Amino acid sequence: MPLLTEKCTQNAGKLDATSADMLATELNDWIIVNDTLEKTFRFKNFHDTMAFANAVAYIAHQQNHHPDLNISYSRCQLTWNTHSVGGLSRNDFICAARVDLLTKAS
């Protein structure tokens, strides 16, 4: 998956809808909603949910690109978008691809 070989860049531009849709096909079950990239992950308990959220935080820190997280006992909803471009950039898809790897490992 080419997205996994990339790092987020500071000058990433806003993607048009067609480009965003094509990149979404490289991901596992992420959806595009109102210029955001979203996915809800479900876990069996709070500990697993928080472990996942902390792993996402580590990825975000490494890439210097941060999602919105909505966390409950057994669920973590992630929303990626690039505020500086007012929509989706390639950075959002790079980070989503890295997050997908977390769930493949479990």
PDB file of N, CA and C in Angstrom:
ATOM      1  N   MET A   1       0.855  -1.174   0.000  1.00  0.00           N
ATOM      2  CA  MET A   1       0.000   0.000   0.000  1.00  0.00           C
ATOM      3  C   MET A   1       0.902   1.239   0.000  1.00  0.00           C
ATOM      4  N   PRO A   2       0.878   2.034  -1.057  1.00  0.00           N
ATOM      5  CA  PRO A   2       1.798   3.170  -1.156  1.00  0.00           C
ATOM      6  C   PRO A   2       1.622   4.220  -0.060  1.00  0.00           C
ATOM      7  N   LEU A   3       0.422   4.393   0.475  1.00  0.00           N
ATOM      8  CA  LEU A   3       0.217   5.387   1.523  1.00  0.00           C
ATOM      9  C   LEU A   3       1.098   5.107   2.733  1.00  0.00           C
ATOM     10  N   LEU A   4       1.350   3.849   3.013  1.00  0.00           N
ATOM     11  CA  LEU A   4       2.147   3.482   4.183  1.00  0.00           C
ATOM     12  C   LEU A   4       3.615   3.849   4.041  1.00  0.00           C
ATOM     13  N   THR A   5       4.070   4.052   2.842  1.00  0.00           N
ATOM     14  CA  THR A   5       5.472   4.412   2.637  1.00  0.00           C
ATOM     15  C   THR A   5       5.684   5.915   2.694  1.00  0.00           C
ATOM     16  N   GLU A   6       4.605   6.669   2.820  1.00  0.00           N
ATOM     17  CA  GLU A   6       4.688   8.125   2.810  1.00  0.00           C
ATOM     18  C   GLU A   6       4.631   8.691   4.226  1.00  0.00           C
ATOM     19  N   LYS A   7       5.130   9.895   4.370  1.00  0.00           N
ATOM     20  CA  LYS A   7       5.003  10.655   5.617  1.00  0.00           C
ATOM     21  C   LYS A   7       4.182  11.894   5.314  1.00  0.00           C
ATOM     22  N   CYS A   8       3.495  12.384   6.316  1.00  0.00           N
ATOM     23  CA  CYS A   8       2.720  13.608   6.149  1.00  0.00           C
ATOM     24  C   CYS A   8       3.661  14.771   5.835  1.00  0.00           C
ATOM     25  N   THR A   9       3.184  15.674   4.989  1.00  0.00           N
ATOM     26  CA  THR A   9       3.963  16.853   4.629  1.00  0.00           C
ATOM     27  C   THR A   9       3.248  18.112   5.071  1.00  0.00           C
ATOM     28  N   GLN A  10       4.015  19.132   5.321  1.00  0.00           N
ATOM     29  CA  GLN A  10       3.457  20.383   5.808  1.00  0.00           C
ATOM     30  C   GLN A  10       2.667  21.122   4.731  1.00  0.00           C
ATOM     31  N   ASN A  11       2.998  20.920   3.476  1.00  0.00           N
ATOM     32  CA  ASN A  11       2.369  21.674   2.391  1.00  0.00           C
ATOM     33  C   ASN A  11       1.343  20.862   1.613  1.00  0.00           C
ATOM     34  N   ALA A  12       0.719  19.896   2.227  1.00  0.00           N
ATOM     35  CA  ALA A  12      -0.270  19.072   1.531  1.00  0.00           C
ATOM     36  C   ALA A  12      -1.463  19.938   1.130  1.00  0.00           C
ATOM     37  N   GLY A  13      -1.863  19.807  -0.120  1.00  0.00           N
ATOM     38  CA  GLY A  13      -2.987  20.593  -0.619  1.00  0.00           C
ATOM     39  C   GLY A  13      -4.300  19.847  -0.482  1.00  0.00           C
ATOM     40  N   LYS A  14      -5.384  20.591  -0.648  1.00  0.00           N
ATOM     41  CA  LYS A  14      -6.719  20.014  -0.565  1.00  0.00           C
ATOM     42  C   LYS A  14      -6.966  19.113  -1.775  1.00  0.00           C
ATOM     43  N   LEU A  15      -7.530  17.937  -1.506  1.00  0.00           N
ATOM     44  CA  LEU A  15      -7.847  16.987  -2.575  1.00  0.00           C
ATOM     45  C   LEU A  15      -9.220  17.293  -3.152  1.00  0.00           C
ATOM     46  N   ASP A  16      -9.373  17.076  -4.460  1.00  0.00           N
ATOM     47  CA  ASP A  16     -10.710  17.157  -5.038  1.00  0.00           C
ATOM     48  C   ASP A  16     -11.452  15.871  -4.699  1.00  0.00           C
ATOM     49  N   ALA A  17     -12.753  15.872  -4.894  1.00  0.00           N
ATOM     50  CA  ALA A  17     -13.591  14.738  -4.485  1.00  0.00           C
ATOM     51  C   ALA A  17     -13.175  13.439  -5.164  1.00  0.00           C
ATOM     52  N   THR A  18     -12.819  13.492  -6.427  1.00  0.00           N
ATOM     53  CA  THR A  18     -12.434  12.279  -7.157  1.00  0.00           C
ATOM     54  C   THR A  18     -11.154  11.684  -6.587  1.00  0.00           C
ATOM     55  N   SER A  19     -10.165  12.527  -6.319  1.00  0.00           N
ATOM     56  CA  SER A  19      -8.902  12.039  -5.747  1.00  0.00           C
ATOM     57  C   SER A  19      -9.124  11.453  -4.363  1.00  0.00           C
ATOM     58  N   ALA A  20      -9.949  12.098  -3.548  1.00  0.00           N
ATOM     59  CA  ALA A  20     -10.245  11.595  -2.208  1.00  0.00           C
ATOM     60  C   ALA A  20     -10.952  10.242  -2.291  1.00  0.00           C
ATOM     61  N   ASP A  21     -11.921  10.123  -3.180  1.00  0.00           N
ATOM     62  CA  ASP A  21     -12.629   8.851  -3.345  1.00  0.00           C
ATOM     63  C   ASP A  21     -11.678   7.737  -3.769  1.00  0.00           C
ATOM     64  N   MET A  22     -10.743   8.046  -4.658  1.00  0.00           N
ATOM     65  CA  MET A  22      -9.782   7.028  -5.108  1.00  0.00           C
ATOM     66  C   MET A  22      -8.866   6.596  -3.965  1.00  0.00           C
ATOM     67  N   LEU A  23      -8.394   7.550  -3.170  1.00  0.00           N
ATOM     68  CA  LEU A  23      -7.532   7.188  -2.035  1.00  0.00           C
ATOM     69  C   LEU A  23      -8.301   6.380  -0.994  1.00  0.00           C
ATOM     70  N   ALA A  24      -9.573   6.673  -0.828  1.00  0.00           N
ATOM     71  CA  ALA A  24     -10.382   5.937   0.152  1.00  0.00           C
ATOM     72  C   ALA A  24     -10.467   4.457  -0.180  1.00  0.00           C
ATOM     73  N   THR A  25     -10.326   4.105  -1.449  1.00  0.00           N
ATOM     74  CA  THR A  25     -10.379   2.694  -1.834  1.00  0.00           C
ATOM     75  C   THR A  25      -9.165   1.921  -1.328  1.00  0.00           C
ATOM     76  N   GLU A  26      -8.107   2.635  -0.942  1.00  0.00           N
ATOM     77  CA  GLU A  26      -6.904   1.985  -0.401  1.00  0.00           C
ATOM     78  C   GLU A  26      -7.032   1.701   1.096  1.00  0.00           C
ATOM     79  N   LEU A  27      -8.119   2.168   1.702  1.00  0.00           N
ATOM     80  CA  LEU A  27      -8.324   2.028   3.142  1.00  0.00           C
ATOM     81  C   LEU A  27      -9.382   0.972   3.440  1.00  0.00           C
ATOM     82  N   ASN A  28      -9.476   0.590   4.711  1.00  0.00           N
ATOM     83  CA  ASN A  28     -10.452  -0.416   5.146  1.00  0.00           C
ATOM     84  C   ASN A  28     -11.662   0.244   5.804  1.00  0.00           C
ATOM     85  N   ASP A  29     -12.730   0.397   5.059  1.00  0.00           N
ATOM     86  CA  ASP A  29     -14.032   0.838   5.594  1.00  0.00           C
ATOM     87  C   ASP A  29     -14.083   2.263   6.130  1.00  0.00           C
ATOM     88  N   TRP A  30     -13.214   3.122   5.689  1.00  0.00           N
ATOM     89  CA  TRP A  30     -13.315   4.540   6.032  1.00  0.00           C
ATOM     90  C   TRP A  30     -14.335   5.178   5.097  1.00  0.00           C
ATOM     91  N   ILE A  31     -15.057   6.175   5.610  1.00  0.00           N
ATOM     92  CA  ILE A  31     -16.033   6.865   4.770  1.00  0.00           C
ATOM     93  C   ILE A  31     -15.715   8.358   4.744  1.00  0.00           C
ATOM     94  N   ILE A  32     -16.048   8.964   3.637  1.00  0.00           N
ATOM     95  CA  ILE A  32     -15.881  10.412   3.493  1.00  0.00           C
ATOM     96  C   ILE A  32     -17.224  11.058   3.776  1.00  0.00           C
ATOM     97  N   VAL A  33     -17.224  11.974   4.748  1.00  0.00           N
ATOM     98  CA  VAL A  33     -18.438  12.675   5.153  1.00  0.00           C
ATOM     99  C   VAL A  33     -18.105  14.161   5.292  1.00  0.00           C
ATOM    100  N   ASN A  34     -18.716  14.981   4.455  1.00  0.00           N
ATOM    101  CA  ASN A  34     -18.531  16.445   4.570  1.00  0.00           C
ATOM    102  C   ASN A  34     -17.064  16.857   4.679  1.00  0.00           C
ATOM    103  N   ASP A  35     -16.252  16.437   3.741  1.00  0.00           N
ATOM    104  CA  ASP A  35     -14.824  16.783   3.721  1.00  0.00           C
ATOM    105  C   ASP A  35     -14.043  16.280   4.930  1.00  0.00           C
ATOM    106  N   THR A  36     -14.502  15.171   5.517  1.00  0.00           N
ATOM    107  CA  THR A  36     -13.742  14.501   6.576  1.00  0.00           C
ATOM    108  C   THR A  36     -13.653  13.018   6.235  1.00  0.00           C
ATOM    109  N   LEU A  37     -12.693  12.357   6.835  1.00  0.00           N
ATOM    110  CA  LEU A  37     -12.509  10.922   6.680  1.00  0.00           C
ATOM    111  C   LEU A  37     -12.806  10.306   8.040  1.00  0.00           C
ATOM    112  N   GLU A  38     -13.791   9.398   8.091  1.00  0.00           N
ATOM    113  CA  GLU A  38     -14.265   8.899   9.381  1.00  0.00           C
ATOM    114  C   GLU A  38     -14.343   7.378   9.429  1.00  0.00           C
ATOM    115  N   LYS A  39     -14.135   6.878  10.646  1.00  0.00           N
ATOM    116  CA  LYS A  39     -14.313   5.449  10.896  1.00  0.00           C
ATOM    117  C   LYS A  39     -14.519   5.241  12.393  1.00  0.00           C
ATOM    118  N   THR A  40     -15.402   4.321  12.734  1.00  0.00           N
ATOM    119  CA  THR A  40     -15.628   3.953  14.127  1.00  0.00           C
ATOM    120  C   THR A  40     -15.060   2.562  14.368  1.00  0.00           C
ATOM    121  N   PHE A  41     -14.246   2.456  15.393  1.00  0.00           N
ATOM    122  CA  PHE A  41     -13.628   1.193  15.791  1.00  0.00           C
ATOM    123  C   PHE A  41     -14.312   0.722  17.064  1.00  0.00           C
ATOM    124  N   ARG A  42     -14.599  -0.569  17.146  1.00  0.00           N
ATOM    125  CA  ARG A  42     -15.269  -1.134  18.319  1.00  0.00           C
ATOM    126  C   ARG A  42     -14.340  -2.143  18.996  1.00  0.00           C
ATOM    127  N   PHE A  43     -14.393  -2.143  20.345  1.00  0.00           N
ATOM    128  CA  PHE A  43     -13.526  -2.993  21.133  1.00  0.00           C
ATOM    129  C   PHE A  43     -14.334  -3.700  22.209  1.00  0.00           C
ATOM    130  N   LYS A  44     -13.726  -4.713  22.837  1.00  0.00           N
ATOM    131  CA  LYS A  44     -14.477  -5.497  23.820  1.00  0.00           C
ATOM    132  C   LYS A  44     -14.513  -4.855  25.200  1.00  0.00           C
ATOM    133  N   ASN A  45     -13.609  -3.890  25.465  1.00  0.00           N
ATOM    134  CA  ASN A  45     -13.611  -3.258  26.790  1.00  0.00           C
ATOM    135  C   ASN A  45     -12.901  -1.907  26.733  1.00  0.00           C
ATOM    136  N   PHE A  46     -12.975  -1.188  27.832  1.00  0.00           N
ATOM    137  CA  PHE A  46     -12.395   0.146  27.908  1.00  0.00           C
ATOM    138  C   PHE A  46     -10.877   0.117  27.757  1.00  0.00           C
ATOM    139  N   HIS A  47     -10.238  -0.867  28.358  1.00  0.00           N
ATOM    140  CA  HIS A  47      -8.783  -0.973  28.273  1.00  0.00           C
ATOM    141  C   HIS A  47      -8.324  -1.069  26.822  1.00  0.00           C
ATOM    142  N   ASP A  48      -8.957  -1.925  26.033  1.00  0.00           N
ATOM    143  CA  ASP A  48      -8.595  -2.075  24.613  1.00  0.00           C
ATOM    144  C   ASP A  48      -8.875  -0.792  23.837  1.00  0.00           C
ATOM    145  N   THR A  49      -9.982  -0.135  24.177  1.00  0.00           N
ATOM    146  CA  THR A  49     -10.317   1.120  23.501  1.00  0.00           C
ATOM    147  C   THR A  49      -9.244   2.168  23.772  1.00  0.00           C
ATOM    148  N   MET A  50      -8.832   2.297  25.014  1.00  0.00           N
ATOM    149  CA  MET A  50      -7.829   3.299  25.373  1.00  0.00           C
ATOM    150  C   MET A  50      -6.448   2.946  24.818  1.00  0.00           C
ATOM    151  N   ALA A  51      -6.123   1.668  24.765  1.00  0.00           N
ATOM    152  CA  ALA A  51      -4.850   1.264  24.159  1.00  0.00           C
ATOM    153  C   ALA A  51      -4.821   1.680  22.691  1.00  0.00           C
ATOM    154  N   PHE A  52      -5.931   1.468  22.007  1.00  0.00           N
ATOM    155  CA  PHE A  52      -6.039   1.884  20.605  1.00  0.00           C
ATOM    156  C   PHE A  52      -5.907   3.405  20.491  1.00  0.00           C
ATOM    157  N   ALA A  53      -6.644   4.143  21.311  1.00  0.00           N
ATOM    158  CA  ALA A  53      -6.603   5.607  21.260  1.00  0.00           C
ATOM    159  C   ALA A  53      -5.184   6.128  21.510  1.00  0.00           C
ATOM    160  N   ASN A  54      -4.476   5.513  22.435  1.00  0.00           N
ATOM    161  CA  ASN A  54      -3.091   5.924  22.700  1.00  0.00           C
ATOM    162  C   ASN A  54      -2.172   5.601  21.525  1.00  0.00           C
ATOM    163  N   ALA A  55      -2.402   4.489  20.866  1.00  0.00           N
ATOM    164  CA  ALA A  55      -1.611   4.149  19.678  1.00  0.00           C
ATOM    165  C   ALA A  55      -1.884   5.154  18.558  1.00  0.00           C
ATOM    166  N   VAL A  56      -3.146   5.554  18.404  1.00  0.00           N
ATOM    167  CA  VAL A  56      -3.497   6.579  17.409  1.00  0.00           C
ATOM    168  C   VAL A  56      -2.790   7.893  17.757  1.00  0.00           C
ATOM    169  N   ALA A  57      -2.775   8.242  19.027  1.00  0.00           N
ATOM    170  CA  ALA A  57      -2.100   9.473  19.456  1.00  0.00           C
ATOM    171  C   ALA A  57      -0.607   9.425  19.111  1.00  0.00           C
ATOM    172  N   TYR A  58       0.000   8.264  19.257  1.00  0.00           N
ATOM    173  CA  TYR A  58       1.415   8.108  18.910  1.00  0.00           C
ATOM    174  C   TYR A  58       1.632   8.322  17.408  1.00  0.00           C
ATOM    175  N   ILE A  59       0.777   7.712  16.597  1.00  0.00           N
ATOM    176  CA  ILE A  59       0.861   7.897  15.140  1.00  0.00           C
ATOM    177  C   ILE A  59       0.696   9.377  14.795  1.00  0.00           C
ATOM    178  N   ALA A  60      -0.298  10.009  15.391  1.00  0.00           N
ATOM    179  CA  ALA A  60      -0.564  11.421  15.115  1.00  0.00           C
ATOM    180  C   ALA A  60       0.643  12.283  15.485  1.00  0.00           C
ATOM    181  N   HIS A  61       1.255  11.986  16.610  1.00  0.00           N
ATOM    182  CA  HIS A  61       2.431  12.730  17.047  1.00  0.00           C
ATOM    183  C   HIS A  61       3.590  12.531  16.067  1.00  0.00           C
ATOM    184  N   GLN A  62       3.815  11.294  15.650  1.00  0.00           N
ATOM    185  CA  GLN A  62       4.889  11.004  14.692  1.00  0.00           C
ATOM    186  C   GLN A  62       4.693  11.755  13.375  1.00  0.00           C
ATOM    187  N   GLN A  63       3.458  11.814  12.919  1.00  0.00           N
ATOM    188  CA  GLN A  63       3.161  12.425  11.631  1.00  0.00           C
ATOM    189  C   GLN A  63       2.866  13.931  11.737  1.00  0.00           C
ATOM    190  N   ASN A  64       2.763  14.424  12.958  1.00  0.00           N
ATOM    191  CA  ASN A  64       2.385  15.818  13.201  1.00  0.00           C
ATOM    192  C   ASN A  64       1.081  16.164  12.465  1.00  0.00           C
ATOM    193  N   HIS A  65       0.129  15.246  12.593  1.00  0.00           N
ATOM    194  CA  HIS A  65      -1.186  15.412  11.965  1.00  0.00           C
ATOM    195  C   HIS A  65      -2.192  14.727  12.882  1.00  0.00           C
ATOM    196  N   HIS A  66      -3.137  15.485  13.398  1.00  0.00           N
ATOM    197  CA  HIS A  66      -3.929  15.014  14.532  1.00  0.00           C
ATOM    198  C   HIS A  66      -5.412  14.910  14.204  1.00  0.00           C
ATOM    199  N   PRO A  67      -6.039  13.787  14.591  1.00  0.00           N
ATOM    200  CA  PRO A  67      -7.465  13.584  14.328  1.00  0.00           C
ATOM    201  C   PRO A  67      -8.324  14.100  15.479  1.00  0.00           C
ATOM    202  N   ASP A  68      -9.606  14.135  15.238  1.00  0.00           N
ATOM    203  CA  ASP A  68     -10.570  14.281  16.325  1.00  0.00           C
ATOM    204  C   ASP A  68     -10.926  12.865  16.761  1.00  0.00           C
ATOM    205  N   LEU A  69     -10.943  12.637  18.068  1.00  0.00           N
ATOM    206  CA  LEU A  69     -11.306  11.331  18.620  1.00  0.00           C
ATOM    207  C   LEU A  69     -12.533  11.488  19.495  1.00  0.00           C
ATOM    208  N   ASN A  70     -13.464  10.570  19.344  1.00  0.00           N
ATOM    209  CA  ASN A  70     -14.633  10.498  20.207  1.00  0.00           C
ATOM    210  C   ASN A  70     -14.582   9.107  20.837  1.00  0.00           C
ATOM    211  N   ILE A  71     -14.330   9.062  22.147  1.00  0.00           N
ATOM    212  CA  ILE A  71     -14.063   7.793  22.826  1.00  0.00           C
ATOM    213  C   ILE A  71     -15.157   7.487  23.842  1.00  0.00           C
ATOM    214  N   SER A  72     -15.615   6.243  23.830  1.00  0.00           N
ATOM    215  CA  SER A  72     -16.512   5.753  24.873  1.00  0.00           C
ATOM    216  C   SER A  72     -15.971   4.406  25.359  1.00  0.00           C
ATOM    217  N   TYR A  73     -16.716   3.713  26.173  1.00  0.00           N
ATOM    218  CA  TYR A  73     -16.257   2.474  26.787  1.00  0.00           C
ATOM    219  C   TYR A  73     -15.683   1.487  25.774  1.00  0.00           C
ATOM    220  N   SER A  74     -16.405   1.220  24.705  1.00  0.00           N
ATOM    221  CA  SER A  74     -15.970   0.187  23.757  1.00  0.00           C
ATOM    222  C   SER A  74     -15.922   0.683  22.312  1.00  0.00           C
ATOM    223  N   ARG A  75     -15.770   1.998  22.157  1.00  0.00           N
ATOM    224  CA  ARG A  75     -15.818   2.564  20.810  1.00  0.00           C
ATOM    225  C   ARG A  75     -14.887   3.763  20.719  1.00  0.00           C
ATOM    226  N   CYS A  76     -14.250   3.901  19.562  1.00  0.00           N
ATOM    227  CA  CYS A  76     -13.435   5.082  19.282  1.00  0.00           C
ATOM    228  C   CYS A  76     -13.733   5.510  17.850  1.00  0.00           C
ATOM    229  N   GLN A  77     -14.281   6.689  17.723  1.00  0.00           N
ATOM    230  CA  GLN A  77     -14.554   7.232  16.390  1.00  0.00           C
ATOM    231  C   GLN A  77     -13.438   8.217  16.051  1.00  0.00           C
ATOM    232  N   LEU A  78     -12.819   8.008  14.888  1.00  0.00           N
ATOM    233  CA  LEU A  78     -11.761   8.896  14.414  1.00  0.00           C
ATOM    234  C   LEU A  78     -12.278   9.726  13.253  1.00  0.00           C
ATOM    235  N   THR A  79     -11.902  10.979  13.252  1.00  0.00           N
ATOM    236  CA  THR A  79     -12.231  11.875  12.152  1.00  0.00           C
ATOM    237  C   THR A  79     -10.968  12.618  11.755  1.00  0.00           C
ATOM    238  N   TRP A  80     -10.569  12.427  10.516  1.00  0.00           N
ATOM    239  CA  TRP A  80      -9.394  13.122   9.974  1.00  0.00           C
ATOM    240  C   TRP A  80      -9.861  14.184   8.993  1.00  0.00           C
ATOM    241  N   ASN A  81      -9.247  15.329   9.047  1.00  0.00           N
ATOM    242  CA  ASN A  81      -9.316  16.331   7.994  1.00  0.00           C
ATOM    243  C   ASN A  81      -8.169  17.298   8.222  1.00  0.00           C
ATOM    244  N   THR A  82      -7.886  18.098   7.230  1.00  0.00           N
ATOM    245  CA  THR A  82      -6.767  19.026   7.325  1.00  0.00           C
ATOM    246  C   THR A  82      -7.335  20.434   7.434  1.00  0.00           C
ATOM    247  N   HIS A  83      -7.324  20.948   8.645  1.00  0.00           N
ATOM    248  CA  HIS A  83      -7.938  22.253   8.907  1.00  0.00           C
ATOM    249  C   HIS A  83      -7.335  23.358   8.042  1.00  0.00           C
ATOM    250  N   SER A  84      -6.042  23.296   7.812  1.00  0.00           N
ATOM    251  CA  SER A  84      -5.372  24.372   7.068  1.00  0.00           C
ATOM    252  C   SER A  84      -5.808  24.458   5.605  1.00  0.00           C
ATOM    253  N   VAL A  85      -6.354  23.368   5.057  1.00  0.00           N
ATOM    254  CA  VAL A  85      -6.837  23.409   3.663  1.00  0.00           C
ATOM    255  C   VAL A  85      -8.361  23.383   3.589  1.00  0.00           C
ATOM    256  N   GLY A  86      -9.007  23.258   4.731  1.00  0.00           N
ATOM    257  CA  GLY A  86     -10.467  23.265   4.750  1.00  0.00           C
ATOM    258  C   GLY A  86     -11.092  22.023   4.134  1.00  0.00           C
ATOM    259  N   GLY A  87     -10.446  20.877   4.330  1.00  0.00           N
ATOM    260  CA  GLY A  87     -10.980  19.627   3.787  1.00  0.00           C
ATOM    261  C   GLY A  87      -9.975  18.508   3.923  1.00  0.00           C
ATOM    262  N   LEU A  88      -9.999  17.607   2.974  1.00  0.00           N
ATOM    263  CA  LEU A  88      -9.119  16.434   3.014  1.00  0.00           C
ATOM    264  C   LEU A  88      -7.841  16.681   2.227  1.00  0.00           C
ATOM    265  N   SER A  89      -6.736  16.217   2.797  1.00  0.00           N
ATOM    266  CA  SER A  89      -5.454  16.214   2.094  1.00  0.00           C
ATOM    267  C   SER A  89      -4.923  14.780   2.109  1.00  0.00           C
ATOM    268  N   ARG A  90      -3.860  14.564   1.394  1.00  0.00           N
ATOM    269  CA  ARG A  90      -3.236  13.234   1.373  1.00  0.00           C
ATOM    270  C   ARG A  90      -2.804  12.821   2.779  1.00  0.00           C
ATOM    271  N   ASN A  91      -2.454  13.788   3.624  1.00  0.00           N
ATOM    272  CA  ASN A  91      -2.041  13.488   5.004  1.00  0.00           C
ATOM    273  C   ASN A  91      -3.103  12.700   5.764  1.00  0.00           C
ATOM    274  N   ASP A  92      -4.374  13.024   5.535  1.00  0.00           N
ATOM    275  CA  ASP A  92      -5.455  12.322   6.230  1.00  0.00           C
ATOM    276  C   ASP A  92      -5.466  10.842   5.857  1.00  0.00           C
ATOM    277  N   PHE A  93      -5.226  10.558   4.608  1.00  0.00           N
ATOM    278  CA  PHE A  93      -5.238   9.177   4.125  1.00  0.00           C
ATOM    279  C   PHE A  93      -3.984   8.419   4.570  1.00  0.00           C
ATOM    280  N   ILE A  94      -2.859   9.103   4.638  1.00  0.00           N
ATOM    281  CA  ILE A  94      -1.630   8.483   5.146  1.00  0.00           C
ATOM    282  C   ILE A  94      -1.838   8.040   6.591  1.00  0.00           C
ATOM    283  N   CYS A  95      -2.400   8.912   7.405  1.00  0.00           N
ATOM    284  CA  CYS A  95      -2.626   8.579   8.816  1.00  0.00           C
ATOM    285  C   CYS A  95      -3.680   7.485   8.974  1.00  0.00           C
ATOM    286  N   ALA A  96      -4.745   7.544   8.181  1.00  0.00           N
ATOM    287  CA  ALA A  96      -5.782   6.509   8.253  1.00  0.00           C
ATOM    288  C   ALA A  96      -5.205   5.143   7.892  1.00  0.00           C
ATOM    289  N   ALA A  97      -4.327   5.091   6.907  1.00  0.00           N
ATOM    290  CA  ALA A  97      -3.702   3.826   6.515  1.00  0.00           C
ATOM    291  C   ALA A  97      -2.851   3.271   7.657  1.00  0.00           C
ATOM    292  N   ARG A  98      -2.159   4.130   8.361  1.00  0.00           N
ATOM    293  CA  ARG A  98      -1.348   3.684   9.500  1.00  0.00           C
ATOM    294  C   ARG A  98      -2.244   3.164  10.637  1.00  0.00           C
ATOM    295  N   VAL A  99      -3.362   3.825  10.844  1.00  0.00           N
ATOM    296  CA  VAL A  99      -4.312   3.364  11.870  1.00  0.00           C
ATOM    297  C   VAL A  99      -4.872   2.006  11.490  1.00  0.00           C
ATOM    298  N   ASP A 100      -5.171   1.803  10.200  1.00  0.00           N
ATOM    299  CA  ASP A 100      -5.665   0.494   9.754  1.00  0.00           C
ATOM    300  C   ASP A 100      -4.705  -0.624  10.137  1.00  0.00           C
ATOM    301  N   LEU A 101      -3.419  -0.360  10.123  1.00  0.00           N
ATOM    302  CA  LEU A 101      -2.430  -1.383  10.506  1.00  0.00           C
ATOM    303  C   LEU A 101      -2.600  -1.801  11.963  1.00  0.00           C
ATOM    304  N   LEU A 102      -3.023  -0.885  12.810  1.00  0.00           N
ATOM    305  CA  LEU A 102      -3.223  -1.218  14.231  1.00  0.00           C
ATOM    306  C   LEU A 102      -4.251  -2.320  14.403  1.00  0.00           C
ATOM    307  N   THR A 103      -5.316  -2.260  13.638  1.00  0.00           N
ATOM    308  CA  THR A 103      -6.386  -3.244  13.795  1.00  0.00           C
ATOM    309  C   THR A 103      -6.047  -4.557  13.108  1.00  0.00           C
ATOM    310  N   LYS A 104      -5.122  -4.544  12.165  1.00  0.00           N
ATOM    311  CA  LYS A 104      -4.692  -5.801  11.535  1.00  0.00           C
ATOM    312  C   LYS A 104      -3.803  -6.595  12.479  1.00  0.00           C
ATOM    313  N   ALA A 105      -3.124  -5.883  13.368  1.00  0.00           N
ATOM    314  CA  ALA A 105      -2.192  -6.552  14.291  1.00  0.00           C
ATOM    315  C   ALA A 105      -2.921  -7.257  15.428  1.00  0.00           C
ATOM    316  N   SER A 106      -4.156  -6.843  15.686  1.00  0.00           N
ATOM    317  CA  SER A 106      -4.857  -7.447  16.836  1.00  0.00           C
ATOM    318  C   SER A 106      -5.673  -8.652  16.465  1.00  0.00           C
TER     319      SER A 106
END
